[in-house]
C-alpha cells in the first residue's frame, strides 16, 4: 500500500527537495506551507502530479489533514538570519506551537515524525567538531536566540512526546546546506557571495573571515534524512559535511568559480555569530551508514549554474549579512 507523508515547509529550499525525493520513492506527498519564506515556484512542477497535494496553511495555528498519514517531516521554519531577525515571533511560534501541533497530530494519526533541528542548537561552540552529546553555548536573549531556542525547545518537546507518549520520533540536526532553490537574498554565505559576484559587487566577509563553516550539498542531506526517517533511532543525529573551510577561503573559492574580478571587503562580525561549525558525523556513519558523496567543487558548480539561470530582477536583490 502506498505510504502517505506530510511535509511542512514544503515550498522552502529543503522542503521542496524532500517532496521531490519522496515522490520519486513512490510516496503520496502532502505539502504544507504558509509561504512566509517559501515560494510556490519551488514546487510548481509537482502540482500536475496525482501523488502531490498542497495545503496553504500555518502549522502554528492548528494542523488537520484528512485521511491516513504514515510519516511527517516538520521543516516549517525560517532558517536564515535575515528571516528570523525580521520575523522573530513567527520563528518562535513555529518552533514551539507548530511543533506541539504536529506532535499531537502525529499521535492522533499514529504517524512517525521527523523534526528538523539545526547545528545552531550548539550556538557558538566550545567543543570542536560538534557531536550530539554536546549541549551547546547559546545566548537565549541575543538576536539569534529566537531561532536557536526555538529549535532547542523543539528537540525537548519532541523527546518528551517520545518518552511520555511513546511516539515514534526522529531528530535531525542540519548543518550548513546548499544547492539549487536557495534564495539569493536569504542572508547566508553561499547565495550572498554568488549573488554579489553575479552583480559585480565586492564580496562581503564579516569579521576577519577566520570563522569556519562546513557545507553539505542538498542531495546528500536529503539522503541522510531519508535514512534517518526509516531507521530505529530517536535521539538527535548530525547530518552535514565534515569538510571544514574558513569563510575567507570560501569567498576566495567563489571568486575563482565565478571568475569575478571583485575583491573581498570586511565588515564587523554580528553579535553571537558562531566562530566554528563542523559536524561530527560518527553517529550518522554508524547508525545510518551515511556519509556525504558530493564534493564542494562539484556541488558549487551545480549551484552556480542554477543562480546564473535566474531572472535578472532576482539578481538585483541584495543580502546584507550571512550565517
Protein backbone atom coordinates (compact mmCIF):
# COMPACT_ATOMS: atom_id res chain seq x y z
CA UNK A 1 0.00 0.00 0.00
CA UNK A 2 1.29 3.49 -0.89
CA UNK A 3 2.65 5.39 2.10
CA UNK A 4 1.47 8.96 2.70
CA UNK A 5 3.76 11.63 4.12
CA UNK A 6 3.10 15.19 5.30
CA UNK A 7 5.99 17.61 4.68
CA UNK A 8 5.72 21.03 6.33
CA UNK A 9 7.77 23.88 4.90
CA UNK A 10 7.23 22.14 1.56
CA UNK A 11 7.76 25.27 -0.56
CA UNK A 12 11.10 26.06 1.02
CA UNK A 13 14.59 25.14 -0.11
CA UNK A 14 14.91 21.88 1.80
CA UNK A 15 11.20 21.06 1.91
CA UNK A 16 10.85 21.18 -1.87
CA UNK A 17 13.80 18.81 -2.38
CA UNK A 18 12.27 16.42 0.17
CA UNK A 19 8.96 16.50 -1.71
CA UNK A 20 10.84 15.52 -4.89
CA UNK A 21 12.66 12.67 -3.19
CA UNK A 22 9.63 11.09 -1.54
CA UNK A 23 7.59 11.29 -4.73
CA UNK A 24 10.48 9.57 -6.52
CA UNK A 25 10.37 6.88 -3.84
CA UNK A 26 6.70 6.20 -4.54
CA UNK A 27 5.09 8.08 -1.65
CA UNK A 28 1.91 10.13 -1.71
CA UNK A 29 3.15 13.56 -0.58
CA UNK A 30 1.09 16.22 1.19
CA UNK A 31 2.95 19.53 1.22
CA UNK A 32 2.08 22.27 3.69
CA UNK A 33 3.46 25.82 3.82
CA UNK A 34 2.22 29.29 4.82
CA UNK A 35 4.61 30.81 2.22
CA UNK A 36 6.04 33.34 4.67
CA UNK A 37 9.52 32.41 3.42
CA UNK A 38 8.70 29.58 0.99
CA UNK A 39 7.95 30.06 -2.69
CA UNK A 40 5.46 28.12 -4.81
CA UNK A 41 7.87 28.16 -7.76
CA UNK A 42 9.95 25.57 -5.84
CA UNK A 43 7.12 23.03 -6.09
CA UNK A 44 5.19 24.25 -9.14
CA UNK A 45 6.44 21.25 -11.12
CA UNK A 46 4.66 18.96 -8.65
CA UNK A 47 1.13 20.39 -8.91
CA UNK A 48 0.33 18.35 -12.03
CA UNK A 49 1.10 15.08 -10.21
CA UNK A 50 -1.60 12.91 -8.63
CA UNK A 51 0.98 11.96 -5.99
CA UNK A 52 1.12 15.51 -4.63
CA UNK A 53 -1.33 17.67 -2.67
CA UNK A 54 -0.67 21.11 -1.23
CA UNK A 55 -2.17 22.96 1.76
CA UNK A 56 -1.51 26.70 2.14
CA UNK A 57 -1.54 26.75 5.92
CA UNK A 58 0.28 27.93 9.07
CA UNK A 59 1.09 24.99 11.36
CA UNK A 60 1.37 27.35 14.35
CA UNK A 61 -2.45 27.65 14.36
CA UNK A 62 -3.53 24.02 14.06
CA UNK A 63 -2.87 21.03 11.81
CA UNK A 64 -5.50 18.94 10.05
CA UNK A 65 -5.18 16.68 7.03
CA UNK A 66 -7.96 14.16 6.33
CA UNK A 67 -7.12 10.53 5.75
CA UNK A 68 -4.23 8.34 6.74
CA UNK A 69 -0.77 9.83 7.35
CA UNK A 70 2.14 7.43 7.84
CA UNK A 71 5.02 9.89 8.23
CA UNK A 72 5.56 13.57 8.97
CA UNK A 73 8.60 15.73 8.19
CA UNK A 74 8.46 19.02 10.12
CA UNK A 75 10.56 21.50 8.14
CA UNK A 76 8.40 24.60 8.61
CA UNK A 77 10.63 27.37 10.00
CA UNK A 78 12.53 30.44 8.90
CA UNK A 79 16.13 29.25 8.63
CA UNK A 80 18.23 32.26 7.66
CA UNK A 81 19.31 35.24 9.79
CA UNK A 82 17.55 37.75 7.55
CA UNK A 83 14.27 35.87 8.05
CA UNK A 84 14.34 35.15 11.75
CA UNK A 85 15.62 38.63 12.64
CA UNK A 86 12.74 40.11 10.62
CA UNK A 87 10.03 37.75 11.91
CA UNK A 88 11.24 36.67 15.38
CA UNK A 89 7.81 35.94 16.88
CA UNK A 90 6.76 33.72 13.98
CA UNK A 91 10.09 31.90 14.27
CA UNK A 92 9.46 31.15 17.93
CA UNK A 93 5.85 30.16 17.31
CA UNK A 94 6.56 27.64 14.54
CA UNK A 95 9.28 26.01 16.66
CA UNK A 96 7.05 25.79 19.73
CA UNK A 97 3.32 25.92 18.88
CA UNK A 98 3.86 24.47 15.41
CA UNK A 99 5.91 21.57 16.72
CA UNK A 100 3.40 20.93 19.51
CA UNK A 101 0.55 20.85 16.99
CA UNK A 102 2.40 18.45 14.70
CA UNK A 103 3.40 16.12 17.52
CA UNK A 104 -0.23 15.96 18.61
CA UNK A 105 -1.28 15.36 15.00
CA UNK A 106 1.31 12.56 14.68
CA UNK A 107 -0.03 10.98 17.86
CA UNK A 108 -3.62 11.12 16.56
CA UNK A 109 -2.60 9.66 13.19
CA UNK A 110 -0.20 7.09 14.70
CA UNK A 111 2.45 8.51 12.37
CA UNK A 112 6.23 8.64 12.73
CA UNK A 113 7.51 12.24 12.83
CA UNK A 114 10.95 13.61 11.99
CA UNK A 115 11.67 17.18 13.11
CA UNK A 116 14.30 19.39 11.51
CA UNK A 117 16.62 20.79 14.12
CA UNK A 118 19.85 22.63 13.39
CA UNK A 119 23.51 22.96 14.24
CA UNK A 120 22.50 26.31 15.78
CA UNK A 121 21.49 24.40 18.93
CA UNK A 122 25.26 24.28 19.58
CA UNK A 123 25.45 28.10 19.49
CA UNK A 124 28.99 29.47 19.41
CA UNK A 125 30.52 26.10 20.31
CA UNK A 126 33.25 25.47 22.84
CA UNK A 127 33.64 21.90 21.52
CA UNK A 128 35.01 21.25 18.04
CA UNK A 129 33.88 19.41 15.99
CA UNK A 130 30.37 19.29 17.43
CA UNK A 131 28.90 15.93 18.39
CA UNK A 132 25.36 15.18 19.50
CA UNK A 133 26.31 14.86 23.18
CA UNK A 134 27.48 18.49 23.34
CA UNK A 135 24.86 20.73 24.98
CA UNK A 136 25.91 23.95 23.29
CA UNK A 137 26.82 27.55 24.14
CA UNK A 138 23.75 29.64 23.29
CA UNK A 139 22.74 33.18 24.24
CA UNK A 140 18.95 32.84 24.78
CA UNK A 141 18.30 36.60 24.67
CA UNK A 142 20.67 37.53 21.84
CA UNK A 143 19.49 38.31 18.30
CA UNK A 144 19.93 34.69 17.21
CA UNK A 145 18.18 33.34 20.31
CA UNK A 146 14.74 33.30 18.68
CA UNK A 147 15.94 30.65 16.24
CA UNK A 148 18.40 28.80 18.49
CA UNK A 149 15.99 28.46 21.40
CA UNK A 150 13.01 27.63 19.19
CA UNK A 151 14.98 24.66 17.88
CA UNK A 152 16.21 23.64 21.33
CA UNK A 153 12.63 23.69 22.61
CA UNK A 154 11.57 21.74 19.53
CA UNK A 155 14.01 18.98 20.41
CA UNK A 156 12.90 18.97 24.05
CA UNK A 157 9.17 18.64 23.32
CA UNK A 158 9.84 16.02 20.65
CA UNK A 159 11.75 13.88 23.13
CA UNK A 160 9.01 14.44 25.72
CA UNK A 161 6.40 13.08 23.31
CA UNK A 162 8.70 10.16 22.57
CA UNK A 163 9.25 9.23 26.21
CA UNK A 164 5.79 10.08 27.62
CA UNK A 165 3.51 9.12 24.71
CA UNK A 166 5.84 6.51 23.13
CA UNK A 167 5.50 8.41 19.85
CA UNK A 168 7.90 7.39 17.09
CA UNK A 169 10.10 10.46 16.66
CA UNK A 170 13.33 11.32 14.85
CA UNK A 171 15.50 14.45 15.19
CA UNK A 172 17.95 15.64 12.54
CA UNK A 173 20.47 18.38 13.34
CA UNK A 174 21.16 20.02 10.00
CA UNK A 175 24.45 21.77 9.29
CA UNK A 176 25.03 24.35 6.54
CA UNK A 177 23.42 23.06 3.36
CA UNK A 178 23.41 24.50 -0.15
CA UNK A 179 22.12 23.81 -3.65
CA UNK A 180 19.53 24.87 -6.23
CA UNK A 181 16.43 26.71 -4.93
CA UNK A 182 18.28 28.64 -2.25
CA UNK A 183 17.18 32.26 -2.20
CA UNK A 184 19.86 34.68 -3.35
CA UNK A 185 18.82 37.17 -0.67
CA UNK A 186 18.38 34.79 2.26
CA UNK A 187 21.48 36.13 4.02
CA UNK A 188 23.65 33.02 4.08
CA UNK A 189 27.23 32.92 2.86
CA UNK A 190 26.91 30.95 -0.36
CA UNK A 191 23.98 32.78 -2.01
CA UNK A 192 25.30 36.10 -0.70
CA UNK A 193 28.74 35.56 -2.27
CA UNK A 194 27.40 34.23 -5.58
CA UNK A 195 24.83 37.00 -5.78
CA UNK A 196 27.49 39.64 -5.19
CA UNK A 197 29.75 38.06 -7.79
CA UNK A 198 26.97 37.94 -10.39
CA UNK A 199 26.09 41.58 -9.71
CA UNK A 200 29.72 42.68 -9.98
CA UNK A 201 29.93 43.67 -6.31
CA UNK A 202 32.76 43.10 -3.84
CA UNK A 203 32.26 40.03 -1.65
CA UNK A 204 31.39 40.90 1.95
CA UNK A 205 33.08 38.91 4.71
CA UNK A 206 32.05 39.59 8.30
CA UNK A 207 34.82 39.59 10.88
CA UNK A 208 38.29 38.64 9.69
CA UNK A 209 36.99 35.60 7.78
CA UNK A 210 38.65 33.09 10.09
CA UNK A 211 35.31 31.70 11.28
CA UNK A 212 34.62 28.29 9.77
CA UNK A 213 31.67 26.52 8.20
CA UNK A 214 31.09 23.07 6.70
CA UNK A 215 28.91 22.96 3.59
CA UNK A 216 26.76 19.94 2.61
CA UNK A 217 25.15 19.60 -0.82
CA UNK A 218 21.37 19.27 -0.64
CA UNK A 219 21.16 15.82 -2.27
CA UNK A 220 23.46 14.39 0.40
CA UNK A 221 21.37 15.97 3.15
CA UNK A 222 18.13 14.58 1.71
CA UNK A 223 19.67 11.10 1.57
CA UNK A 224 20.64 11.36 5.24
CA UNK A 225 17.15 12.50 6.22
CA UNK A 226 15.54 9.69 4.22
CA UNK A 227 17.69 7.11 6.00
CA UNK A 228 17.07 8.65 9.43
CA UNK A 229 13.29 8.63 8.99
CA UNK A 230 13.38 4.92 8.24
CA UNK A 231 15.85 3.87 10.93
CA UNK A 232 15.11 2.90 14.53
CA UNK A 233 16.84 5.70 16.44
CA UNK A 234 15.15 8.52 18.36
CA UNK A 235 18.00 10.70 19.60
CA UNK A 236 19.41 13.62 17.55
CA UNK A 237 21.67 12.86 14.60
CA UNK A 238 24.02 15.35 12.93
CA UNK A 239 23.71 15.46 9.15
CA UNK A 240 26.28 17.62 7.41
CA UNK A 241 29.56 17.58 5.53
CA UNK A 242 32.54 17.47 7.94
CA UNK A 243 34.93 19.16 5.48
CA UNK A 244 35.62 22.50 7.17
CA UNK A 245 36.60 25.75 5.47
CA UNK A 246 37.03 29.34 6.66
CA UNK A 247 34.68 31.99 5.32
CA UNK A 248 37.64 33.84 3.77
CA UNK A 249 38.74 30.68 1.94
CA UNK A 250 35.16 30.11 0.85
CA UNK A 251 34.89 33.63 -0.57
CA UNK A 252 38.11 33.01 -2.50
CA UNK A 253 36.63 29.77 -3.90
CA UNK A 254 33.55 31.67 -5.11
CA UNK A 255 35.74 34.32 -6.77
CA UNK A 256 37.63 31.56 -8.59
CA UNK A 257 34.42 29.73 -9.53
CA UNK A 258 32.64 32.80 -10.89
CA UNK A 259 35.68 34.44 -12.48
CA UNK A 260 34.78 37.74 -10.89
CA UNK A 261 37.42 40.47 -10.60
CA UNK A 262 35.90 41.85 -7.40
CA UNK A 263 37.76 41.81 -4.12
CA UNK A 264 36.84 40.80 -0.58
CA UNK A 265 35.73 43.55 1.82
CA UNK A 266 35.45 43.11 5.57
CA UNK A 267 32.72 44.27 7.96
CA UNK A 268 32.21 43.80 11.73
CA UNK A 269 31.15 40.33 12.89
CA UNK A 270 27.48 40.26 14.03
CA UNK A 271 26.68 39.51 17.67
CA UNK A 272 26.83 35.82 18.70
CA UNK A 273 27.93 34.71 15.23
CA UNK A 274 29.42 31.22 15.70
CA UNK A 275 33.19 31.06 15.18
CA UNK A 276 33.28 27.39 14.24
CA UNK A 277 30.88 24.95 12.65
CA UNK A 278 31.87 21.37 11.84
CA UNK A 279 29.74 18.27 12.38
CA UNK A 280 30.97 15.10 13.98
CA UNK A 281 29.07 12.58 11.83
CA UNK A 282 30.22 9.43 13.63
CA UNK A 283 26.65 8.68 14.72
CA UNK A 284 25.28 9.08 11.17
CA UNK A 285 28.00 6.76 9.83
CA UNK A 286 27.35 4.08 12.43
CA UNK A 287 23.54 4.18 12.56
CA UNK A 288 22.61 5.23 9.02
CA UNK A 289 25.64 4.10 7.03
CA UNK A 290 25.64 7.67 5.70
CA UNK A 291 28.45 9.92 4.52
CA UNK A 292 28.23 12.83 2.06
CA UNK A 293 29.17 11.95 -1.52
CA UNK A 294 29.12 15.27 -3.41
CA UNK A 295 32.35 17.28 -3.26
CA UNK A 296 32.14 21.02 -2.63
CA UNK A 297 33.70 21.67 -6.05
CA UNK A 298 31.00 19.61 -7.81
CA UNK A 299 28.14 20.98 -5.73
CA UNK A 300 29.20 24.60 -6.16
CA UNK A 301 29.30 24.24 -9.94
CA UNK A 302 25.71 22.95 -10.00
CA UNK A 303 24.55 25.68 -7.62
CA UNK A 304 26.31 28.43 -9.57
CA UNK A 305 24.66 27.32 -12.81
CA UNK A 306 21.29 27.47 -11.05
CA UNK A 307 21.88 31.04 -9.83
CA UNK A 308 23.12 32.12 -13.25
CA UNK A 309 19.84 30.94 -14.77
CA UNK A 310 17.69 33.14 -12.53
CA UNK A 311 15.85 36.16 -13.98
CA UNK A 312 17.84 39.44 -13.81
CA UNK A 313 15.38 41.00 -11.35
CA UNK A 314 16.20 38.32 -8.78
CA UNK A 315 19.89 39.07 -9.05
CA UNK A 316 19.24 42.70 -8.12
CA UNK A 317 18.15 41.76 -4.65
CA UNK A 318 20.96 42.21 -2.17
CA UNK A 319 21.83 40.42 1.05
CA UNK A 320 23.33 42.38 3.93
CA UNK A 321 24.69 39.64 6.16
CA UNK A 322 25.04 35.90 6.27
CA UNK A 323 25.35 32.98 8.70
